[in-house]
């Protein structure tokens, strides 16, 4: 299973690290129903929802990393939190990192 390091995430997506520890993530989720302990949650947004609104729920379910498009989401400084302009683009760039 691919692992994504904090450094790889920043390099691939151009993300700004807002706070948190340097970590490796082996699981990425875009849906809080599929979060497992240690997941990286990518807050996708659509016409009728804003994924940033689910960041706290993702953390409560075990996510230790977040990729968000809003800086004002109140999350513990222990959670590794990245800021990007487009989470869909970030997800696609991460998917390309470990293509076989």
PDB file of N, CA and C in Angstrom:
ATOM      1  N   UNK A   1       0.844  -1.180   0.000  1.00  0.00           N
ATOM      2  CA  UNK A   1       0.000   0.000   0.000  1.00  0.00           C
ATOM      3  C   UNK A   1       0.889   1.243   0.000  1.00  0.00           C
ATOM      4  N   UNK A   2       0.612   2.225  -0.849  1.00  0.00           N
ATOM      5  CA  UNK A   2       1.437   3.425  -0.916  1.00  0.00           C
ATOM      6  C   UNK A   2       1.389   4.220   0.386  1.00  0.00           C
ATOM      7  N   UNK A   3       2.484   4.852   0.697  1.00  0.00           N
ATOM      8  CA  UNK A   3       2.534   5.755   1.838  1.00  0.00           C
ATOM      9  C   UNK A   3       2.838   7.141   1.290  1.00  0.00           C
ATOM     10  N   UNK A   4       2.182   8.111   1.852  1.00  0.00           N
ATOM     11  CA  UNK A   4       2.384   9.494   1.448  1.00  0.00           C
ATOM     12  C   UNK A   4       2.976  10.250   2.625  1.00  0.00           C
ATOM     13  N   UNK A   5       4.160  10.819   2.424  1.00  0.00           N
ATOM     14  CA  UNK A   5       4.800  11.584   3.493  1.00  0.00           C
ATOM     15  C   UNK A   5       4.355  13.038   3.410  1.00  0.00           C
ATOM     16  N   UNK A   6       4.547  13.725   4.502  1.00  0.00           N
ATOM     17  CA  UNK A   6       4.224  15.153   4.539  1.00  0.00           C
ATOM     18  C   UNK A   6       4.959  15.877   3.412  1.00  0.00           C
ATOM     19  N   UNK A   7       6.223  15.569   3.243  1.00  0.00           N
ATOM     20  CA  UNK A   7       7.033  16.218   2.206  1.00  0.00           C
ATOM     21  C   UNK A   7       6.491  15.919   0.802  1.00  0.00           C
ATOM     22  N   UNK A   8       6.144  14.658   0.537  1.00  0.00           N
ATOM     23  CA  UNK A   8       5.586  14.290  -0.771  1.00  0.00           C
ATOM     24  C   UNK A   8       4.286  15.039  -1.053  1.00  0.00           C
ATOM     25  N   UNK A   9       3.443  15.158  -0.042  1.00  0.00           N
ATOM     26  CA  UNK A   9       2.163  15.853  -0.203  1.00  0.00           C
ATOM     27  C   UNK A   9       2.403  17.310  -0.569  1.00  0.00           C
ATOM     28  N   UNK A  10       3.317  17.954   0.120  1.00  0.00           N
ATOM     29  CA  UNK A  10       3.626  19.366  -0.158  1.00  0.00           C
ATOM     30  C   UNK A  10       4.203  19.515  -1.565  1.00  0.00           C
ATOM     31  N   UNK A  11       5.144  18.659  -1.923  1.00  0.00           N
ATOM     32  CA  UNK A  11       5.768  18.756  -3.246  1.00  0.00           C
ATOM     33  C   UNK A  11       4.775  18.476  -4.367  1.00  0.00           C
ATOM     34  N   UNK A  12       3.954  17.459  -4.203  1.00  0.00           N
ATOM     35  CA  UNK A  12       3.032  17.070  -5.270  1.00  0.00           C
ATOM     36  C   UNK A  12       1.888  18.054  -5.457  1.00  0.00           C
ATOM     37  N   UNK A  13       1.400  18.619  -4.359  1.00  0.00           N
ATOM     38  CA  UNK A  13       0.191  19.444  -4.435  1.00  0.00           C
ATOM     39  C   UNK A  13       0.449  20.939  -4.339  1.00  0.00           C
ATOM     40  N   UNK A  14       1.639  21.313  -3.915  1.00  0.00           N
ATOM     41  CA  UNK A  14       1.914  22.733  -3.685  1.00  0.00           C
ATOM     42  C   UNK A  14       1.243  23.244  -2.424  1.00  0.00           C
ATOM     43  N   UNK A  15       0.867  22.324  -1.538  1.00  0.00           N
ATOM     44  CA  UNK A  15       0.154  22.686  -0.311  1.00  0.00           C
ATOM     45  C   UNK A  15       1.045  23.481   0.641  1.00  0.00           C
ATOM     46  N   UNK A  16       0.379  24.270   1.451  1.00  0.00           N
ATOM     47  CA  UNK A  16       1.026  24.979   2.545  1.00  0.00           C
ATOM     48  C   UNK A  16       0.722  24.171   3.807  1.00  0.00           C
ATOM     49  N   UNK A  17       1.742  23.838   4.581  1.00  0.00           N
ATOM     50  CA  UNK A  17       1.540  23.132   5.844  1.00  0.00           C
ATOM     51  C   UNK A  17       1.134  24.168   6.883  1.00  0.00           C
ATOM     52  N   UNK A  18      -0.105  24.063   7.363  1.00  0.00           N
ATOM     53  CA  UNK A  18      -0.601  25.016   8.358  1.00  0.00           C
ATOM     54  C   UNK A  18      -0.088  24.679   9.748  1.00  0.00           C
ATOM     55  N   UNK A  19      -0.140  23.410  10.123  1.00  0.00           N
ATOM     56  CA  UNK A  19       0.365  22.958  11.414  1.00  0.00           C
ATOM     57  C   UNK A  19       0.331  21.439  11.476  1.00  0.00           C
ATOM     58  N   UNK A  20       0.930  20.919  12.540  1.00  0.00           N
ATOM     59  CA  UNK A  20       0.916  19.479  12.757  1.00  0.00           C
ATOM     60  C   UNK A  20       2.284  18.858  12.608  1.00  0.00           C
ATOM     61  N   UNK A  21       2.322  17.565  12.910  1.00  0.00           N
ATOM     62  CA  UNK A  21       3.554  16.792  12.876  1.00  0.00           C
ATOM     63  C   UNK A  21       3.844  16.290  11.468  1.00  0.00           C
ATOM     64  N   UNK A  22       5.106  15.996  11.220  1.00  0.00           N
ATOM     65  CA  UNK A  22       5.497  15.323   9.984  1.00  0.00           C
ATOM     66  C   UNK A  22       5.044  13.876  10.131  1.00  0.00           C
ATOM     67  N   UNK A  23       4.285  13.388   9.153  1.00  0.00           N
ATOM     68  CA  UNK A  23       3.705  12.051   9.236  1.00  0.00           C
ATOM     69  C   UNK A  23       3.778  11.352   7.883  1.00  0.00           C
ATOM     70  N   UNK A  24       3.476  10.067   7.928  1.00  0.00           N
ATOM     71  CA  UNK A  24       3.222   9.276   6.727  1.00  0.00           C
ATOM     72  C   UNK A  24       1.776   8.811   6.796  1.00  0.00           C
ATOM     73  N   UNK A  25       1.107   8.856   5.670  1.00  0.00           N
ATOM     74  CA  UNK A  25      -0.285   8.417   5.585  1.00  0.00           C
ATOM     75  C   UNK A  25      -0.364   7.265   4.597  1.00  0.00           C
ATOM     76  N   UNK A  26      -1.004   6.170   5.004  1.00  0.00           N
ATOM     77  CA  UNK A  26      -1.163   5.043   4.089  1.00  0.00           C
ATOM     78  C   UNK A  26      -2.589   4.957   3.568  1.00  0.00           C
ATOM     79  N   UNK A  27      -3.487   5.733   4.173  1.00  0.00           N
ATOM     80  CA  UNK A  27      -4.883   5.717   3.764  1.00  0.00           C
ATOM     81  C   UNK A  27      -5.343   7.139   3.499  1.00  0.00           C
ATOM     82  N   UNK A  28      -5.969   7.322   2.344  1.00  0.00           N
ATOM     83  CA  UNK A  28      -6.559   8.615   1.995  1.00  0.00           C
ATOM     84  C   UNK A  28      -8.057   8.412   1.873  1.00  0.00           C
ATOM     85  N   UNK A  29      -8.812   9.354   2.414  1.00  0.00           N
ATOM     86  CA  UNK A  29     -10.266   9.277   2.332  1.00  0.00           C
ATOM     87  C   UNK A  29     -10.845  10.634   1.962  1.00  0.00           C
ATOM     88  N   UNK A  30     -11.917  10.603   1.197  1.00  0.00           N
ATOM     89  CA  UNK A  30     -12.657  11.825   0.870  1.00  0.00           C
ATOM     90  C   UNK A  30     -14.055  11.764   1.477  1.00  0.00           C
ATOM     91  N   UNK A  31     -14.308  10.737   2.267  1.00  0.00           N
ATOM     92  CA  UNK A  31     -15.625  10.500   2.849  1.00  0.00           C
ATOM     93  C   UNK A  31     -15.439  10.106   4.309  1.00  0.00           C
ATOM     94  N   UNK A  32     -16.046  10.846   5.221  1.00  0.00           N
ATOM     95  CA  UNK A  32     -15.852  10.565   6.647  1.00  0.00           C
ATOM     96  C   UNK A  32     -16.373   9.188   7.047  1.00  0.00           C
ATOM     97  N   UNK A  33     -17.205   8.585   6.245  1.00  0.00           N
ATOM     98  CA  UNK A  33     -17.713   7.248   6.565  1.00  0.00           C
ATOM     99  C   UNK A  33     -16.655   6.168   6.371  1.00  0.00           C
ATOM    100  N   UNK A  34     -15.565   6.506   5.665  1.00  0.00           N
ATOM    101  CA  UNK A  34     -14.523   5.510   5.401  1.00  0.00           C
ATOM    102  C   UNK A  34     -13.218   5.800   6.139  1.00  0.00           C
ATOM    103  N   UNK A  35     -13.245   6.735   7.066  1.00  0.00           N
ATOM    104  CA  UNK A  35     -12.040   7.100   7.818  1.00  0.00           C
ATOM    105  C   UNK A  35     -11.600   5.937   8.699  1.00  0.00           C
ATOM    106  N   UNK A  36     -10.301   5.655   8.673  1.00  0.00           N
ATOM    107  CA  UNK A  36      -9.694   4.739   9.630  1.00  0.00           C
ATOM    108  C   UNK A  36      -8.608   5.513  10.366  1.00  0.00           C
ATOM    109  N   UNK A  37      -8.188   4.991  11.515  1.00  0.00           N
ATOM    110  CA  UNK A  37      -7.172   5.665  12.315  1.00  0.00           C
ATOM    111  C   UNK A  37      -5.942   5.966  11.468  1.00  0.00           C
ATOM    112  N   UNK A  38      -5.503   7.215  11.491  1.00  0.00           N
ATOM    113  CA  UNK A  38      -4.311   7.628  10.768  1.00  0.00           C
ATOM    114  C   UNK A  38      -4.537   8.071   9.338  1.00  0.00           C
ATOM    115  N   UNK A  39      -5.790   8.183   8.921  1.00  0.00           N
ATOM    116  CA  UNK A  39      -6.111   8.587   7.541  1.00  0.00           C
ATOM    117  C   UNK A  39      -5.751  10.040   7.256  1.00  0.00           C
ATOM    118  N   UNK A  40      -5.566  10.304   5.975  1.00  0.00           N
ATOM    119  CA  UNK A  40      -5.476  11.662   5.459  1.00  0.00           C
ATOM    120  C   UNK A  40      -6.831  11.951   4.819  1.00  0.00           C
ATOM    121  N   UNK A  41      -7.539  12.949   5.337  1.00  0.00           N
ATOM    122  CA  UNK A  41      -8.850  13.312   4.811  1.00  0.00           C
ATOM    123  C   UNK A  41      -8.699  14.476   3.847  1.00  0.00           C
ATOM    124  N   UNK A  42      -9.193  14.293   2.632  1.00  0.00           N
ATOM    125  CA  UNK A  42      -9.173  15.360   1.633  1.00  0.00           C
ATOM    126  C   UNK A  42     -10.587  15.903   1.520  1.00  0.00           C
ATOM    127  N   UNK A  43     -10.754  17.171   1.843  1.00  0.00           N
ATOM    128  CA  UNK A  43     -12.062  17.813   1.940  1.00  0.00           C
ATOM    129  C   UNK A  43     -12.555  18.288   0.569  1.00  0.00           C
ATOM    130  N   UNK A  44     -13.137  17.355  -0.179  1.00  0.00           N
ATOM    131  CA  UNK A  44     -13.707  17.715  -1.475  1.00  0.00           C
ATOM    132  C   UNK A  44     -14.999  18.493  -1.274  1.00  0.00           C
ATOM    133  N   UNK A  45     -15.293  19.381  -2.192  1.00  0.00           N
ATOM    134  CA  UNK A  45     -16.541  20.153  -2.139  1.00  0.00           C
ATOM    135  C   UNK A  45     -17.281  20.001  -3.446  1.00  0.00           C
ATOM    136  N   UNK A  46     -18.580  20.128  -3.365  1.00  0.00           N
ATOM    137  CA  UNK A  46     -19.421  20.016  -4.545  1.00  0.00           C
ATOM    138  C   UNK A  46     -20.475  21.109  -4.549  1.00  0.00           C
ATOM    139  N   UNK A  47     -21.443  20.948  -5.392  1.00  0.00           N
ATOM    140  CA  UNK A  47     -22.497  21.946  -5.535  1.00  0.00           C
ATOM    141  C   UNK A  47     -23.322  22.097  -4.254  1.00  0.00           C
ATOM    142  N   UNK A  48     -23.502  20.999  -3.526  1.00  0.00           N
ATOM    143  CA  UNK A  48     -24.379  21.024  -2.364  1.00  0.00           C
ATOM    144  C   UNK A  48     -23.680  20.754  -1.031  1.00  0.00           C
ATOM    145  N   UNK A  49     -22.366  20.700  -1.033  1.00  0.00           N
ATOM    146  CA  UNK A  49     -21.649  20.439   0.215  1.00  0.00           C
ATOM    147  C   UNK A  49     -20.260  21.059   0.169  1.00  0.00           C
ATOM    148  N   UNK A  50     -19.721  21.306   1.354  1.00  0.00           N
ATOM    149  CA  UNK A  50     -18.372  21.841   1.497  1.00  0.00           C
ATOM    150  C   UNK A  50     -17.605  20.862   2.373  1.00  0.00           C
ATOM    151  N   UNK A  51     -16.653  20.168   1.798  1.00  0.00           N
ATOM    152  CA  UNK A  51     -15.891  19.169   2.529  1.00  0.00           C
ATOM    153  C   UNK A  51     -15.175  19.707   3.748  1.00  0.00           C
ATOM    154  N   UNK A  52     -14.841  20.988   3.741  1.00  0.00           N
ATOM    155  CA  UNK A  52     -14.195  21.590   4.908  1.00  0.00           C
ATOM    156  C   UNK A  52     -15.076  21.490   6.146  1.00  0.00           C
ATOM    157  N   UNK A  53     -16.399  21.468   5.939  1.00  0.00           N
ATOM    158  CA  UNK A  53     -17.343  21.368   7.053  1.00  0.00           C
ATOM    159  C   UNK A  53     -17.262  20.025   7.768  1.00  0.00           C
ATOM    160  N   UNK A  54     -16.626  19.038   7.144  1.00  0.00           N
ATOM    161  CA  UNK A  54     -16.534  17.700   7.715  1.00  0.00           C
ATOM    162  C   UNK A  54     -15.161  17.414   8.321  1.00  0.00           C
ATOM    163  N   UNK A  55     -14.291  18.411   8.373  1.00  0.00           N
ATOM    164  CA  UNK A  55     -12.929  18.209   8.869  1.00  0.00           C
ATOM    165  C   UNK A  55     -12.913  17.736  10.324  1.00  0.00           C
ATOM    166  N   UNK A  56     -13.673  18.365  11.186  1.00  0.00           N
ATOM    167  CA  UNK A  56     -13.688  17.980  12.593  1.00  0.00           C
ATOM    168  C   UNK A  56     -14.241  16.564  12.753  1.00  0.00           C
ATOM    169  N   UNK A  57     -15.272  16.224  12.006  1.00  0.00           N
ATOM    170  CA  UNK A  57     -15.817  14.864  12.051  1.00  0.00           C
ATOM    171  C   UNK A  57     -14.761  13.848  11.628  1.00  0.00           C
ATOM    172  N   UNK A  58     -13.998  14.181  10.588  1.00  0.00           N
ATOM    173  CA  UNK A  58     -12.932  13.281  10.128  1.00  0.00           C
ATOM    174  C   UNK A  58     -11.898  13.063  11.224  1.00  0.00           C
ATOM    175  N   UNK A  59     -11.513  14.126  11.901  1.00  0.00           N
ATOM    176  CA  UNK A  59     -10.538  14.020  12.987  1.00  0.00           C
ATOM    177  C   UNK A  59     -11.114  13.186  14.134  1.00  0.00           C
ATOM    178  N   UNK A  60     -12.371  13.421  14.468  1.00  0.00           N
ATOM    179  CA  UNK A  60     -13.007  12.656  15.546  1.00  0.00           C
ATOM    180  C   UNK A  60     -13.092  11.169  15.225  1.00  0.00           C
ATOM    181  N   UNK A  61     -13.097  10.837  13.937  1.00  0.00           N
ATOM    182  CA  UNK A  61     -13.160   9.433  13.523  1.00  0.00           C
ATOM    183  C   UNK A  61     -11.777   8.811  13.331  1.00  0.00           C
ATOM    184  N   UNK A  62     -10.711   9.613  13.517  1.00  0.00           N
ATOM    185  CA  UNK A  62      -9.363   9.051  13.474  1.00  0.00           C
ATOM    186  C   UNK A  62      -8.410   9.647  12.456  1.00  0.00           C
ATOM    187  N   UNK A  63      -8.867  10.572  11.623  1.00  0.00           N
ATOM    188  CA  UNK A  63      -7.948  11.194  10.654  1.00  0.00           C
ATOM    189  C   UNK A  63      -6.872  11.976  11.412  1.00  0.00           C
ATOM    190  N   UNK A  64      -5.631  11.816  10.981  1.00  0.00           N
ATOM    191  CA  UNK A  64      -4.530  12.558  11.596  1.00  0.00           C
ATOM    192  C   UNK A  64      -3.963  13.603  10.641  1.00  0.00           C
ATOM    193  N   UNK A  65      -4.544  13.666   9.439  1.00  0.00           N
ATOM    194  CA  UNK A  65      -4.132  14.652   8.454  1.00  0.00           C
ATOM    195  C   UNK A  65      -5.327  15.147   7.670  1.00  0.00           C
ATOM    196  N   UNK A  66      -5.258  16.405   7.247  1.00  0.00           N
ATOM    197  CA  UNK A  66      -6.333  17.033   6.488  1.00  0.00           C
ATOM    198  C   UNK A  66      -5.754  17.829   5.337  1.00  0.00           C
ATOM    199  N   UNK A  67      -6.424  17.776   4.199  1.00  0.00           N
ATOM    200  CA  UNK A  67      -6.128  18.704   3.111  1.00  0.00           C
ATOM    201  C   UNK A  67      -7.395  19.522   2.918  1.00  0.00           C
ATOM    202  N   UNK A  68      -7.281  20.826   3.160  1.00  0.00           N
ATOM    203  CA  UNK A  68      -8.426  21.734   3.157  1.00  0.00           C
ATOM    204  C   UNK A  68      -8.218  22.887   2.185  1.00  0.00           C
ATOM    205  N   UNK A  69      -9.295  23.605   1.903  1.00  0.00           N
ATOM    206  CA  UNK A  69      -9.203  24.822   1.098  1.00  0.00           C
ATOM    207  C   UNK A  69      -9.501  26.064   1.929  1.00  0.00           C
ATOM    208  N   UNK A  70      -9.799  25.876   3.199  1.00  0.00           N
ATOM    209  CA  UNK A  70     -10.090  26.999   4.090  1.00  0.00           C
ATOM    210  C   UNK A  70      -9.134  26.967   5.271  1.00  0.00           C
ATOM    211  N   UNK A  71      -8.588  28.119   5.576  1.00  0.00           N
ATOM    212  CA  UNK A  71      -7.636  28.227   6.674  1.00  0.00           C
ATOM    213  C   UNK A  71      -8.331  28.371   8.025  1.00  0.00           C
ATOM    214  N   UNK A  72      -9.580  28.792   8.014  1.00  0.00           N
ATOM    215  CA  UNK A  72     -10.272  29.132   9.259  1.00  0.00           C
ATOM    216  C   UNK A  72     -10.996  27.957   9.921  1.00  0.00           C
ATOM    217  N   UNK A  73     -10.729  26.740   9.505  1.00  0.00           N
ATOM    218  CA  UNK A  73     -11.330  25.563  10.124  1.00  0.00           C
ATOM    219  C   UNK A  73     -10.599  25.307  11.438  1.00  0.00           C
ATOM    220  N   UNK A  74     -11.348  25.238  12.536  1.00  0.00           N
ATOM    221  CA  UNK A  74     -10.734  25.082  13.851  1.00  0.00           C
ATOM    222  C   UNK A  74     -10.469  23.615  14.154  1.00  0.00           C
ATOM    223  N   UNK A  75      -9.191  23.262  14.080  1.00  0.00           N
ATOM    224  CA  UNK A  75      -8.719  21.895  14.279  1.00  0.00           C
ATOM    225  C   UNK A  75      -7.511  21.947  15.212  1.00  0.00           C
ATOM    226  N   UNK A  76      -7.352  20.917  16.015  1.00  0.00           N
ATOM    227  CA  UNK A  76      -6.208  20.826  16.915  1.00  0.00           C
ATOM    228  C   UNK A  76      -4.901  20.990  16.138  1.00  0.00           C
ATOM    229  N   UNK A  77      -3.956  21.661  16.759  1.00  0.00           N
ATOM    230  CA  UNK A  77      -2.645  21.864  16.133  1.00  0.00           C
ATOM    231  C   UNK A  77      -1.865  20.559  16.009  1.00  0.00           C
ATOM    232  N   UNK A  78      -2.327  19.490  16.662  1.00  0.00           N
ATOM    233  CA  UNK A  78      -1.697  18.177  16.559  1.00  0.00           C
ATOM    234  C   UNK A  78      -1.992  17.516  15.213  1.00  0.00           C
ATOM    235  N   UNK A  79      -3.064  17.914  14.571  1.00  0.00           N
ATOM    236  CA  UNK A  79      -3.477  17.322  13.299  1.00  0.00           C
ATOM    237  C   UNK A  79      -2.672  17.972  12.180  1.00  0.00           C
ATOM    238  N   UNK A  80      -2.037  17.166  11.362  1.00  0.00           N
ATOM    239  CA  UNK A  80      -1.260  17.685  10.240  1.00  0.00           C
ATOM    240  C   UNK A  80      -2.248  18.231   9.214  1.00  0.00           C
ATOM    241  N   UNK A  81      -2.198  19.548   9.013  1.00  0.00           N
ATOM    242  CA  UNK A  81      -3.199  20.213   8.181  1.00  0.00           C
ATOM    243  C   UNK A  81      -2.526  20.972   7.047  1.00  0.00           C
ATOM    244  N   UNK A  82      -2.975  20.671   5.835  1.00  0.00           N
ATOM    245  CA  UNK A  82      -2.444  21.282   4.621  1.00  0.00           C
ATOM    246  C   UNK A  82      -3.509  22.194   4.025  1.00  0.00           C
ATOM    247  N   UNK A  83      -3.078  23.266   3.402  1.00  0.00           N
ATOM    248  CA  UNK A  83      -3.980  24.183   2.714  1.00  0.00           C
ATOM    249  C   UNK A  83      -3.645  24.187   1.225  1.00  0.00           C
ATOM    250  N   UNK A  84      -4.664  23.969   0.393  1.00  0.00           N
ATOM    251  CA  UNK A  84      -4.507  24.017  -1.062  1.00  0.00           C
ATOM    252  C   UNK A  84      -5.631  24.882  -1.634  1.00  0.00           C
ATOM    253  N   UNK A  85      -5.491  25.266  -2.887  1.00  0.00           N
ATOM    254  CA  UNK A  85      -6.561  26.044  -3.518  1.00  0.00           C
ATOM    255  C   UNK A  85      -7.641  25.152  -4.102  1.00  0.00           C
ATOM    256  N   UNK A  86      -7.293  23.891  -4.427  1.00  0.00           N
ATOM    257  CA  UNK A  86      -8.257  22.995  -5.061  1.00  0.00           C
ATOM    258  C   UNK A  86      -7.992  21.568  -4.577  1.00  0.00           C
ATOM    259  N   UNK A  87      -8.886  21.029  -3.759  1.00  0.00           N
ATOM    260  CA  UNK A  87      -8.671  19.690  -3.210  1.00  0.00           C
ATOM    261  C   UNK A  87      -8.812  18.595  -4.259  1.00  0.00           C
ATOM    262  N   UNK A  88      -9.629  18.810  -5.284  1.00  0.00           N
ATOM    263  CA  UNK A  88      -9.741  17.801  -6.351  1.00  0.00           C
ATOM    264  C   UNK A  88      -8.421  17.676  -7.109  1.00  0.00           C
ATOM    265  N   UNK A  89      -7.804  18.796  -7.404  1.00  0.00           N
ATOM    266  CA  UNK A  89      -6.500  18.777  -8.068  1.00  0.00           C
ATOM    267  C   UNK A  89      -5.464  18.112  -7.166  1.00  0.00           C
ATOM    268  N   UNK A  90      -5.510  18.401  -5.872  1.00  0.00           N
ATOM    269  CA  UNK A  90      -4.569  17.789  -4.930  1.00  0.00           C
ATOM    270  C   UNK A  90      -4.739  16.273  -4.922  1.00  0.00           C
ATOM    271  N   UNK A  91      -5.977  15.809  -4.908  1.00  0.00           N
ATOM    272  CA  UNK A  91      -6.243  14.368  -4.926  1.00  0.00           C
ATOM    273  C   UNK A  91      -5.692  13.733  -6.197  1.00  0.00           C
ATOM    274  N   UNK A  92      -5.905  14.360  -7.328  1.00  0.00           N
ATOM    275  CA  UNK A  92      -5.398  13.817  -8.593  1.00  0.00           C
ATOM    276  C   UNK A  92      -3.871  13.772  -8.606  1.00  0.00           C
ATOM    277  N   UNK A  93      -3.238  14.797  -8.071  1.00  0.00           N
ATOM    278  CA  UNK A  93      -1.774  14.833  -8.035  1.00  0.00           C
ATOM    279  C   UNK A  93      -1.221  13.745  -7.111  1.00  0.00           C
ATOM    280  N   UNK A  94      -1.893  13.505  -5.989  1.00  0.00           N
ATOM    281  CA  UNK A  94      -1.453  12.437  -5.089  1.00  0.00           C
ATOM    282  C   UNK A  94      -1.655  11.073  -5.740  1.00  0.00           C
ATOM    283  N   UNK A  95      -2.741  10.913  -6.468  1.00  0.00           N
ATOM    284  CA  UNK A  95      -3.008   9.641  -7.153  1.00  0.00           C
ATOM    285  C   UNK A  95      -1.900   9.343  -8.162  1.00  0.00           C
ATOM    286  N   UNK A  96      -1.358  10.359  -8.779  1.00  0.00           N
ATOM    287  CA  UNK A  96      -0.299  10.173  -9.777  1.00  0.00           C
ATOM    288  C   UNK A  96       1.058   9.811  -9.141  1.00  0.00           C
ATOM    289  N   UNK A  97       1.221  10.111  -7.869  1.00  0.00           N
ATOM    290  CA  UNK A  97       2.501   9.844  -7.211  1.00  0.00           C
ATOM    291  C   UNK A  97       2.873   8.378  -7.199  1.00  0.00           C
ATOM    292  N   UNK A  98       1.906   7.534  -6.947  1.00  0.00           N
ATOM    293  CA  UNK A  98       2.204   6.116  -6.762  1.00  0.00           C
ATOM    294  C   UNK A  98       1.587   5.238  -7.816  1.00  0.00           C
ATOM    295  N   UNK A  99       1.417   5.773  -9.009  1.00  0.00           N
ATOM    296  CA  UNK A  99       0.904   4.946 -10.116  1.00  0.00           C
ATOM    297  C   UNK A  99       1.922   3.891 -10.451  1.00  0.00           C
ATOM    298  N   UNK A 100       1.448   2.743 -10.712  1.00  0.00           N
ATOM    299  CA  UNK A 100       2.349   1.622 -11.023  1.00  0.00           C
ATOM    300  C   UNK A 100       2.477   1.449 -12.508  1.00  0.00           C
TER     301      UNK A 100
END
